[in-house]
PDB file of N, CA and C in Angstrom:
ATOM      1  N   TYR A   1      -8.372 -20.024   8.710  1.00  0.00           N
ATOM      2  CA  TYR A   1      -8.630 -21.042   9.697  1.00  0.00           C
ATOM      3  C   TYR A   1      -7.600 -20.986  10.821  1.00  0.00           C
ATOM      4  N   ILE A   2      -6.339 -20.882  10.496  1.00  0.00           N
ATOM      5  CA  ILE A   2      -5.287 -20.852  11.522  1.00  0.00           C
ATOM      6  C   ILE A   2      -5.509 -19.670  12.468  1.00  0.00           C
ATOM      7  N   GLN A   3      -5.846 -18.541  11.938  1.00  0.00           N
ATOM      8  CA  GLN A   3      -5.994 -17.339  12.759  1.00  0.00           C
ATOM      9  C   GLN A   3      -7.243 -17.378  13.646  1.00  0.00           C
ATOM     10  N   HIS A   4      -8.354 -17.898  13.140  1.00  0.00           N
ATOM     11  CA  HIS A   4      -9.610 -17.817  13.882  1.00  0.00           C
ATOM     12  C   HIS A   4     -10.168 -19.160  14.355  1.00  0.00           C
ATOM     13  N   GLY A   5      -9.773 -20.261  13.721  1.00  0.00           N
ATOM     14  CA  GLY A   5     -10.391 -21.532  14.040  1.00  0.00           C
ATOM     15  C   GLY A   5      -9.519 -22.581  14.684  1.00  0.00           C
ATOM     16  N   TYR A   6      -8.221 -22.487  14.501  1.00  0.00           N
ATOM     17  CA  TYR A   6      -7.301 -23.492  15.030  1.00  0.00           C
ATOM     18  C   TYR A   6      -7.299 -23.445  16.545  1.00  0.00           C
ATOM     19  N   PRO A   7      -7.311 -24.520  17.273  1.00  0.00           N
ATOM     20  CA  PRO A   7      -7.166 -25.928  16.924  1.00  0.00           C
ATOM     21  C   PRO A   7      -8.497 -26.670  16.784  1.00  0.00           C
ATOM     22  N   TYR A   8      -9.572 -25.916  16.646  1.00  0.00           N
ATOM     23  CA  TYR A   8     -10.875 -26.566  16.517  1.00  0.00           C
ATOM     24  C   TYR A   8     -11.007 -27.260  15.169  1.00  0.00           C
ATOM     25  N   ASP A   9     -12.054 -28.062  15.034  1.00  0.00           N
ATOM     26  CA  ASP A   9     -12.245 -28.838  13.809  1.00  0.00           C
ATOM     27  C   ASP A   9     -12.606 -27.977  12.602  1.00  0.00           C
ATOM     28  N   GLU A  10     -13.475 -27.022  12.808  1.00  0.00           N
ATOM     29  CA  GLU A  10     -13.971 -26.236  11.686  1.00  0.00           C
ATOM     30  C   GLU A  10     -14.085 -24.774  12.064  1.00  0.00           C
ATOM     31  N   LEU A  11     -14.338 -23.941  11.070  1.00  0.00           N
ATOM     32  CA  LEU A  11     -14.461 -22.509  11.263  1.00  0.00           C
ATOM     33  C   LEU A  11     -15.845 -22.061  10.811  1.00  0.00           C
ATOM     34  N   LYS A  12     -16.539 -21.322  11.664  1.00  0.00           N
ATOM     35  CA  LYS A  12     -17.798 -20.692  11.260  1.00  0.00           C
ATOM     36  C   LYS A  12     -17.416 -19.415  10.521  1.00  0.00           C
ATOM     37  N   PRO A  13     -17.673 -19.347   9.206  1.00  0.00           N
ATOM     38  CA  PRO A  13     -17.140 -18.245   8.409  1.00  0.00           C
ATOM     39  C   PRO A  13     -17.738 -16.880   8.748  1.00  0.00           C
ATOM     40  N   ILE A  14     -18.982 -16.824   9.121  1.00  0.00           N
ATOM     41  CA  ILE A  14     -19.588 -15.528   9.416  1.00  0.00           C
ATOM     42  C   ILE A  14     -19.149 -15.037  10.791  1.00  0.00           C
ATOM     43  N   ALA A  15     -19.153 -15.928  11.774  1.00  0.00           N
ATOM     44  CA  ALA A  15     -18.767 -15.553  13.133  1.00  0.00           C
ATOM     45  C   ALA A  15     -17.244 -15.496  13.313  1.00  0.00           C
ATOM     46  N   CYS A  16     -16.497 -16.088  12.383  1.00  0.00           N
ATOM     47  CA  CYS A  16     -15.029 -16.180  12.488  1.00  0.00           C
ATOM     48  C   CYS A  16     -14.602 -16.801  13.809  1.00  0.00           C
ATOM     49  N   LYS A  17     -15.264 -17.886  14.157  1.00  0.00           N
ATOM     50  CA  LYS A  17     -14.929 -18.619  15.377  1.00  0.00           C
ATOM     51  C   LYS A  17     -14.833 -20.096  15.056  1.00  0.00           C
ATOM     52  N   GLY A  18     -13.894 -20.756  15.722  1.00  0.00           N
ATOM     53  CA  GLY A  18     -13.752 -22.185  15.544  1.00  0.00           C
ATOM     54  C   GLY A  18     -14.737 -22.940  16.401  1.00  0.00           C
ATOM     55  N   PHE A  19     -15.069 -24.157  15.956  1.00  0.00           N
ATOM     56  CA  PHE A  19     -15.936 -25.017  16.753  1.00  0.00           C
ATOM     57  C   PHE A  19     -15.576 -26.472  16.485  1.00  0.00           C
ATOM     58  N   ASP A  20     -15.847 -27.298  17.477  1.00  0.00           N
ATOM     59  CA  ASP A  20     -15.566 -28.731  17.359  1.00  0.00           C
ATOM     60  C   ASP A  20     -16.783 -29.472  16.850  1.00  0.00           C
ATOM     61  N   THR A  21     -16.557 -30.306  15.858  1.00  0.00           N
ATOM     62  CA  THR A  21     -17.643 -31.139  15.354  1.00  0.00           C
ATOM     63  C   THR A  21     -17.385 -32.611  15.643  1.00  0.00           C
ATOM     64  N   TRP A  22     -16.121 -33.023  15.611  1.00  0.00           N
ATOM     65  CA  TRP A  22     -15.821 -34.448  15.739  1.00  0.00           C
ATOM     66  C   TRP A  22     -14.684 -34.732  16.711  1.00  0.00           C
ATOM     67  N   GLY A  23     -14.531 -33.944  17.750  1.00  0.00           N
ATOM     68  CA  GLY A  23     -13.567 -34.305  18.774  1.00  0.00           C
ATOM     69  C   GLY A  23     -12.306 -33.480  18.850  1.00  0.00           C
ATOM     70  N   SER A  24     -12.296 -32.344  18.217  1.00  0.00           N
ATOM     71  CA  SER A  24     -11.140 -31.444  18.257  1.00  0.00           C
ATOM     72  C   SER A  24      -9.867 -32.094  17.718  1.00  0.00           C
ATOM     73  N   TYR A  25      -9.954 -32.593  16.507  1.00  0.00           N
ATOM     74  CA  TYR A  25      -8.799 -33.187  15.834  1.00  0.00           C
ATOM     75  C   TYR A  25      -8.200 -32.245  14.793  1.00  0.00           C
ATOM     76  N   SER A  26      -8.603 -30.993  14.774  1.00  0.00           N
ATOM     77  CA  SER A  26      -8.141 -30.031  13.764  1.00  0.00           C
ATOM     78  C   SER A  26      -8.429 -30.556  12.359  1.00  0.00           C
ATOM     79  N   LEU A  27      -9.663 -30.987  12.132  1.00  0.00           N
ATOM     80  CA  LEU A  27     -10.017 -31.624  10.864  1.00  0.00           C
ATOM     81  C   LEU A  27      -9.739 -30.755   9.643  1.00  0.00           C
ATOM     82  N   THR A  28     -10.030 -29.479   9.731  1.00  0.00           N
ATOM     83  CA  THR A  28      -9.789 -28.609   8.585  1.00  0.00           C
ATOM     84  C   THR A  28      -8.305 -28.546   8.254  1.00  0.00           C
ATOM     85  N   LEU A  29      -7.486 -28.529   9.265  1.00  0.00           N
ATOM     86  CA  LEU A  29      -6.045 -28.500   9.051  1.00  0.00           C
ATOM     87  C   LEU A  29      -5.561 -29.789   8.385  1.00  0.00           C
ATOM     88  N   ILE A  30      -6.059 -30.924   8.854  1.00  0.00           N
ATOM     89  CA  ILE A  30      -5.687 -32.209   8.249  1.00  0.00           C
ATOM     90  C   ILE A  30      -6.191 -32.282   6.817  1.00  0.00           C
ATOM     91  N   ASP A  31      -7.419 -31.782   6.593  1.00  0.00           N
ATOM     92  CA  ASP A  31      -7.986 -31.760   5.234  1.00  0.00           C
ATOM     93  C   ASP A  31      -7.133 -30.957   4.263  1.00  0.00           C
ATOM     94  N   SER A  32      -6.489 -29.924   4.749  1.00  0.00           N
ATOM     95  CA  SER A  32      -5.759 -29.025   3.857  1.00  0.00           C
ATOM     96  C   SER A  32      -4.357 -29.501   3.512  1.00  0.00           C
ATOM     97  N   LEU A  33      -3.863 -30.506   4.191  1.00  0.00           N
ATOM     98  CA  LEU A  33      -2.479 -30.944   3.970  1.00  0.00           C
ATOM     99  C   LEU A  33      -2.198 -31.317   2.518  1.00  0.00           C
ATOM    100  N   ASP A  34      -3.047 -32.149   1.938  1.00  0.00           N
ATOM    101  CA  ASP A  34      -2.790 -32.586   0.568  1.00  0.00           C
ATOM    102  C   ASP A  34      -2.881 -31.425  -0.424  1.00  0.00           C
ATOM    103  N   MET A  35      -3.785 -30.482  -0.168  1.00  0.00           N
ATOM    104  CA  MET A  35      -3.912 -29.342  -1.077  1.00  0.00           C
ATOM    105  C   MET A  35      -2.680 -28.443  -1.015  1.00  0.00           C
ATOM    106  N   LEU A  36      -2.070 -28.330   0.148  1.00  0.00           N
ATOM    107  CA  LEU A  36      -0.840 -27.542   0.246  1.00  0.00           C
ATOM    108  C   LEU A  36       0.262 -28.133  -0.623  1.00  0.00           C
ATOM    109  N   ILE A  37       0.328 -29.448  -0.681  1.00  0.00           N
ATOM    110  CA  ILE A  37       1.337 -30.095  -1.526  1.00  0.00           C
ATOM    111  C   ILE A  37       0.992 -29.918  -3.000  1.00  0.00           C
ATOM    112  N   ILE A  38      -0.286 -30.093  -3.337  1.00  0.00           N
ATOM    113  CA  ILE A  38      -0.720 -29.943  -4.729  1.00  0.00           C
ATOM    114  C   ILE A  38      -0.430 -28.530  -5.227  1.00  0.00           C
ATOM    115  N   LEU A  39      -0.607 -27.534  -4.349  1.00  0.00           N
ATOM    116  CA  LEU A  39      -0.336 -26.144  -4.721  1.00  0.00           C
ATOM    117  C   LEU A  39       1.141 -25.786  -4.587  1.00  0.00           C
ATOM    118  N   ASN A  40       1.955 -26.773  -4.267  1.00  0.00           N
ATOM    119  CA  ASN A  40       3.406 -26.619  -4.160  1.00  0.00           C
ATOM    120  C   ASN A  40       3.807 -25.589  -3.092  1.00  0.00           C
ATOM    121  N   ASN A  41       3.061 -25.590  -1.991  1.00  0.00           N
ATOM    122  CA  ASN A  41       3.375 -24.701  -0.875  1.00  0.00           C
ATOM    123  C   ASN A  41       4.048 -25.538   0.210  1.00  0.00           C
ATOM    124  N   ARG A  42       5.257 -25.934  -0.051  1.00  0.00           N
ATOM    125  CA  ARG A  42       6.008 -26.841   0.826  1.00  0.00           C
ATOM    126  C   ARG A  42       6.292 -26.226   2.195  1.00  0.00           C
ATOM    127  N   THR A  43       6.575 -24.927   2.223  1.00  0.00           N
ATOM    128  CA  THR A  43       6.875 -24.252   3.489  1.00  0.00           C
ATOM    129  C   THR A  43       5.685 -24.310   4.434  1.00  0.00           C
ATOM    130  N   GLU A  44       4.506 -23.974   3.923  1.00  0.00           N
ATOM    131  CA  GLU A  44       3.299 -24.009   4.761  1.00  0.00           C
ATOM    132  C   GLU A  44       2.949 -25.444   5.141  1.00  0.00           C
ATOM    133  N   PHE A  45       3.160 -26.386   4.227  1.00  0.00           N
ATOM    134  CA  PHE A  45       2.919 -27.797   4.533  1.00  0.00           C
ATOM    135  C   PHE A  45       3.771 -28.242   5.716  1.00  0.00           C
ATOM    136  N   GLU A  46       5.038 -27.911   5.688  1.00  0.00           N
ATOM    137  CA  GLU A  46       5.934 -28.310   6.772  1.00  0.00           C
ATOM    138  C   GLU A  46       5.562 -27.621   8.084  1.00  0.00           C
ATOM    139  N   ARG A  47       5.104 -26.379   8.012  1.00  0.00           N
ATOM    140  CA  ARG A  47       4.672 -25.658   9.221  1.00  0.00           C
ATOM    141  C   ARG A  47       3.432 -26.315   9.830  1.00  0.00           C
ATOM    142  N   VAL A  48       2.484 -26.682   8.977  1.00  0.00           N
ATOM    143  CA  VAL A  48       1.248 -27.321   9.444  1.00  0.00           C
ATOM    144  C   VAL A  48       1.545 -28.706  10.015  1.00  0.00           C
ATOM    145  N   VAL A  49       2.416 -29.450   9.369  1.00  0.00           N
ATOM    146  CA  VAL A  49       2.796 -30.767   9.887  1.00  0.00           C
ATOM    147  C   VAL A  49       3.424 -30.614  11.269  1.00  0.00           C
ATOM    148  N   GLY A  50       4.263 -29.614  11.439  1.00  0.00           N
ATOM    149  CA  GLY A  50       4.860 -29.350  12.749  1.00  0.00           C
ATOM    150  C   GLY A  50       3.815 -29.032  13.804  1.00  0.00           C
ATOM    151  N   LEU A  51       2.825 -28.226  13.435  1.00  0.00           N
ATOM    152  CA  LEU A  51       1.729 -27.924  14.366  1.00  0.00           C
ATOM    153  C   LEU A  51       0.987 -29.185  14.770  1.00  0.00           C
ATOM    154  N   LEU A  52       0.680 -30.006  13.786  1.00  0.00           N
ATOM    155  CA  LEU A  52      -0.055 -31.237  14.074  1.00  0.00           C
ATOM    156  C   LEU A  52       0.766 -32.197  14.931  1.00  0.00           C
ATOM    157  N   GLU A  53       2.054 -32.289  14.661  1.00  0.00           N
ATOM    158  CA  GLU A  53       2.907 -33.159  15.470  1.00  0.00           C
ATOM    159  C   GLU A  53       2.911 -32.734  16.932  1.00  0.00           C
ATOM    160  N   LYS A  54       2.874 -31.444  17.181  1.00  0.00           N
ATOM    161  CA  LYS A  54       2.915 -30.932  18.552  1.00  0.00           C
ATOM    162  C   LYS A  54       1.571 -31.038  19.268  1.00  0.00           C
ATOM    163  N   THR A  55       0.473 -30.867  18.529  1.00  0.00           N
ATOM    164  CA  THR A  55      -0.822 -30.706  19.196  1.00  0.00           C
ATOM    165  C   THR A  55      -1.824 -31.834  18.987  1.00  0.00           C
ATOM    166  N   LEU A  56      -1.673 -32.628  17.943  1.00  0.00           N
ATOM    167  CA  LEU A  56      -2.677 -33.639  17.637  1.00  0.00           C
ATOM    168  C   LEU A  56      -2.576 -34.812  18.595  1.00  0.00           C
ATOM    169  N   ASP A  57      -3.670 -35.109  19.272  1.00  0.00           N
ATOM    170  CA  ASP A  57      -3.720 -36.213  20.220  1.00  0.00           C
ATOM    171  C   ASP A  57      -4.869 -37.143  19.828  1.00  0.00           C
ATOM    172  N   MET A  58      -4.529 -38.312  19.336  1.00  0.00           N
ATOM    173  CA  MET A  58      -5.551 -39.273  18.914  1.00  0.00           C
ATOM    174  C   MET A  58      -6.000 -40.186  20.049  1.00  0.00           C
ATOM    175  N   ASP A  59      -5.396 -40.056  21.197  1.00  0.00           N
ATOM    176  CA  ASP A  59      -5.724 -40.924  22.335  1.00  0.00           C
ATOM    177  C   ASP A  59      -6.831 -40.291  23.179  1.00  0.00           C
ATOM    178  N   LYS A  60      -8.033 -40.265  22.602  1.00  0.00           N
ATOM    179  CA  LYS A  60      -9.189 -39.681  23.276  1.00  0.00           C
ATOM    180  C   LYS A  60     -10.302 -40.717  23.343  1.00  0.00           C
ATOM    181  N   ASP A  61     -10.986 -40.727  24.441  1.00  0.00           N
ATOM    182  CA  ASP A  61     -12.100 -41.649  24.626  1.00  0.00           C
ATOM    183  C   ASP A  61     -13.406 -40.909  24.333  1.00  0.00           C
ATOM    184  N   ILE A  62     -13.715 -40.774  23.030  1.00  0.00           N
ATOM    185  CA  ILE A  62     -14.913 -40.064  22.608  1.00  0.00           C
ATOM    186  C   ILE A  62     -15.596 -40.846  21.503  1.00  0.00           C
ATOM    187  N   ASN A  63     -16.862 -40.538  21.281  1.00  0.00           N
ATOM    188  CA  ASN A  63     -17.579 -41.114  20.149  1.00  0.00           C
ATOM    189  C   ASN A  63     -17.268 -40.280  18.915  1.00  0.00           C
ATOM    190  N   VAL A  64     -16.895 -40.953  17.849  1.00  0.00           N
ATOM    191  CA  VAL A  64     -16.606 -40.261  16.599  1.00  0.00           C
ATOM    192  C   VAL A  64     -17.441 -40.863  15.487  1.00  0.00           C
ATOM    193  N   SER A  65     -17.619 -40.099  14.448  1.00  0.00           N
ATOM    194  CA  SER A  65     -18.285 -40.593  13.251  1.00  0.00           C
ATOM    195  C   SER A  65     -17.268 -41.394  12.441  1.00  0.00           C
ATOM    196  N   VAL A  66     -17.567 -42.662  12.211  1.00  0.00           N
ATOM    197  CA  VAL A  66     -16.643 -43.510  11.453  1.00  0.00           C
ATOM    198  C   VAL A  66     -16.443 -42.956  10.048  1.00  0.00           C
ATOM    199  N   PHE A  67     -17.506 -42.490   9.422  1.00  0.00           N
ATOM    200  CA  PHE A  67     -17.418 -41.945   8.071  1.00  0.00           C
ATOM    201  C   PHE A  67     -16.518 -40.713   8.043  1.00  0.00           C
ATOM    202  N   GLU A  68     -16.787 -39.744   8.909  1.00  0.00           N
ATOM    203  CA  GLU A  68     -15.981 -38.525   8.947  1.00  0.00           C
ATOM    204  C   GLU A  68     -14.524 -38.825   9.288  1.00  0.00           C
ATOM    205  N   THR A  69     -14.311 -39.727  10.212  1.00  0.00           N
ATOM    206  CA  THR A  69     -12.947 -40.081  10.591  1.00  0.00           C
ATOM    207  C   THR A  69     -12.202 -40.705   9.420  1.00  0.00           C
ATOM    208  N   ASN A  70     -12.866 -41.583   8.691  1.00  0.00           N
ATOM    209  CA  ASN A  70     -12.218 -42.231   7.544  1.00  0.00           C
ATOM    210  C   ASN A  70     -11.889 -41.250   6.431  1.00  0.00           C
ATOM    211  N   ILE A  71     -12.849 -40.419   6.052  1.00  0.00           N
ATOM    212  CA  ILE A  71     -12.591 -39.563   4.890  1.00  0.00           C
ATOM    213  C   ILE A  71     -11.745 -38.344   5.231  1.00  0.00           C
ATOM    214  N   ARG A  72     -11.908 -37.799   6.420  1.00  0.00           N
ATOM    215  CA  ARG A  72     -11.204 -36.557   6.732  1.00  0.00           C
ATOM    216  C   ARG A  72      -9.881 -36.780   7.453  1.00  0.00           C
ATOM    217  N   VAL A  73      -9.845 -37.636   8.427  1.00  0.00           N
ATOM    218  CA  VAL A  73      -8.611 -37.833   9.189  1.00  0.00           C
ATOM    219  C   VAL A  73      -7.712 -38.841   8.486  1.00  0.00           C
ATOM    220  N   ILE A  74      -8.173 -40.052   8.323  1.00  0.00           N
ATOM    221  CA  ILE A  74      -7.331 -41.078   7.705  1.00  0.00           C
ATOM    222  C   ILE A  74      -7.039 -40.728   6.248  1.00  0.00           C
ATOM    223  N   GLY A  75      -8.064 -40.313   5.513  1.00  0.00           N
ATOM    224  CA  GLY A  75      -7.862 -39.933   4.124  1.00  0.00           C
ATOM    225  C   GLY A  75      -6.926 -38.753   3.969  1.00  0.00           C
ATOM    226  N   GLY A  76      -7.096 -37.745   4.816  1.00  0.00           N
ATOM    227  CA  GLY A  76      -6.234 -36.567   4.752  1.00  0.00           C
ATOM    228  C   GLY A  76      -4.792 -36.874   5.073  1.00  0.00           C
ATOM    229  N   LEU A  77      -4.590 -37.679   6.125  1.00  0.00           N
ATOM    230  CA  LEU A  77      -3.220 -38.025   6.506  1.00  0.00           C
ATOM    231  C   LEU A  77      -2.561 -38.946   5.472  1.00  0.00           C
ATOM    232  N   LEU A  78      -3.309 -39.910   4.950  1.00  0.00           N
ATOM    233  CA  LEU A  78      -2.744 -40.812   3.938  1.00  0.00           C
ATOM    234  C   LEU A  78      -2.390 -40.073   2.648  1.00  0.00           C
ATOM    235  N   SER A  79      -3.288 -39.235   2.183  1.00  0.00           N
ATOM    236  CA  SER A  79      -3.007 -38.532   0.924  1.00  0.00           C
ATOM    237  C   SER A  79      -1.832 -37.560   1.098  1.00  0.00           C
ATOM    238  N   ALA A  80      -1.756 -36.898   2.240  1.00  0.00           N
ATOM    239  CA  ALA A  80      -0.623 -36.004   2.473  1.00  0.00           C
ATOM    240  C   ALA A  80       0.679 -36.795   2.548  1.00  0.00           C
ATOM    241  N   HIS A  81       0.634 -37.945   3.176  1.00  0.00           N
ATOM    242  CA  HIS A  81       1.827 -38.778   3.265  1.00  0.00           C
ATOM    243  C   HIS A  81       2.285 -39.233   1.876  1.00  0.00           C
ATOM    244  N   LEU A  82       1.351 -39.706   1.089  1.00  0.00           N
ATOM    245  CA  LEU A  82       1.690 -40.192  -0.253  1.00  0.00           C
ATOM    246  C   LEU A  82       2.212 -39.073  -1.162  1.00  0.00           C
ATOM    247  N   LEU A  83       1.618 -37.908  -1.064  1.00  0.00           N
ATOM    248  CA  LEU A  83       2.019 -36.799  -1.928  1.00  0.00           C
ATOM    249  C   LEU A  83       3.297 -36.091  -1.461  1.00  0.00           C
ATOM    250  N   SER A  84       3.675 -36.305  -0.218  1.00  0.00           N
ATOM    251  CA  SER A  84       4.808 -35.568   0.324  1.00  0.00           C
ATOM    252  C   SER A  84       6.157 -36.106  -0.145  1.00  0.00           C
ATOM    253  N   TYR A  85       6.179 -37.223  -0.819  1.00  0.00           N
ATOM    254  CA  TYR A  85       7.447 -37.790  -1.289  1.00  0.00           C
ATOM    255  C   TYR A  85       7.780 -37.363  -2.675  1.00  0.00           C
TER     256      TYR A  85
END
Protein backbone atom coordinates (compact mmCIF):
# COMPACT_ATOMS: atom_id res chain seq x y z
CA TYR A 1 0.00 0.00 0.00
CA ILE A 2 2.73 2.50 0.91
CA GLN A 3 4.55 1.93 -2.36
CA HIS A 4 1.57 2.01 -4.73
CA GLY A 5 -1.45 3.42 -2.91
CA TYR A 6 -0.36 6.00 -0.35
CA PRO A 7 -1.77 8.66 0.32
CA TYR A 8 -5.00 7.45 -1.23
CA ASP A 9 -7.65 5.63 0.78
CA GLU A 10 -7.34 2.22 -0.82
CA LEU A 11 -5.28 0.19 -3.26
CA LYS A 12 -6.61 -1.55 -6.37
CA PRO A 13 -4.64 -4.81 -6.10
CA ILE A 14 -4.65 -5.78 -9.77
CA ALA A 15 -3.88 -2.32 -11.15
CA CYS A 16 -1.51 -1.50 -8.24
CA LYS A 17 -2.90 2.02 -8.08
CA GLY A 18 -4.34 3.97 -5.21
CA PHE A 19 -7.79 5.50 -5.29
CA ASP A 20 -9.92 7.65 -3.02
CA THR A 21 -13.15 6.27 -1.69
CA TRP A 22 -13.93 8.49 1.29
CA GLY A 23 -12.00 11.73 0.98
CA SER A 24 -8.32 10.86 0.84
CA TYR A 25 -7.81 10.18 4.54
CA SER A 26 -5.34 7.31 3.96
CA LEU A 27 -7.93 4.89 5.34
CA THR A 28 -5.89 1.77 4.70
CA LEU A 29 -2.97 3.25 6.58
CA ILE A 30 -5.17 4.18 9.55
CA ASP A 31 -6.75 0.70 9.44
CA SER A 32 -3.34 -0.93 9.70
CA LEU A 33 -2.12 0.94 12.78
CA ASP A 34 -3.59 -1.42 15.36
CA MET A 35 -2.38 -4.50 13.47
CA LEU A 36 1.18 -3.17 13.45
CA ILE A 37 1.06 -3.00 17.24
CA ILE A 38 -0.54 -6.44 17.55
CA LEU A 39 2.25 -7.87 15.35
CA ASN A 40 4.78 -6.06 17.56
CA ASN A 41 6.17 -4.02 14.67
CA ARG A 42 6.82 -0.89 16.71
CA THR A 43 9.30 0.62 14.23
CA GLU A 44 6.82 0.54 11.34
CA PHE A 45 4.04 1.77 13.65
CA GLU A 46 6.08 4.82 14.61
CA ARG A 47 6.98 5.47 10.95
CA VAL A 48 3.32 5.31 9.89
CA VAL A 49 2.24 7.56 12.77
CA GLY A 50 4.86 10.07 11.63
CA LEU A 51 3.51 9.94 8.08
CA LEU A 52 -0.02 10.50 9.29
CA GLU A 53 1.01 13.38 11.54
CA LYS A 54 2.62 15.13 8.58
CA THR A 55 -0.02 14.47 5.93
CA LEU A 56 -3.41 13.76 7.49
CA ASP A 57 -5.77 16.72 7.22
CA MET A 58 -9.21 16.29 8.76
CA ASP A 59 -10.27 19.86 7.98
CA LYS A 60 -12.02 19.12 4.69
CA ASP A 61 -15.44 20.21 3.57
CA ILE A 62 -16.62 16.98 1.93
CA ASN A 63 -19.43 14.48 2.28
CA VAL A 64 -18.30 11.36 4.09
CA SER A 65 -19.93 8.10 5.01
CA VAL A 66 -20.69 8.23 8.73
CA PHE A 67 -20.40 4.45 8.99
CA GLU A 68 -17.04 4.24 7.21
CA THR A 69 -15.70 7.21 9.14
CA ASN A 70 -16.70 5.67 12.47
CA ILE A 71 -15.35 2.19 11.89
CA ARG A 72 -12.25 2.97 9.86
CA VAL A 73 -11.02 6.39 10.95
CA ILE A 74 -12.25 6.82 14.51
CA GLY A 75 -12.06 3.10 15.28
CA GLY A 76 -8.60 2.77 13.77
CA LEU A 77 -7.20 5.78 15.58
CA LEU A 78 -8.79 4.84 18.92
CA SER A 79 -7.63 1.23 18.83
CA ALA A 80 -4.11 2.26 17.84
CA HIS A 81 -4.04 4.81 20.64
CA LEU A 82 -5.23 2.31 23.23
CA LEU A 83 -2.84 -0.42 22.10
CA SER A 84 0.17 1.87 21.82
CA TYR A 85 0.63 2.17 25.58
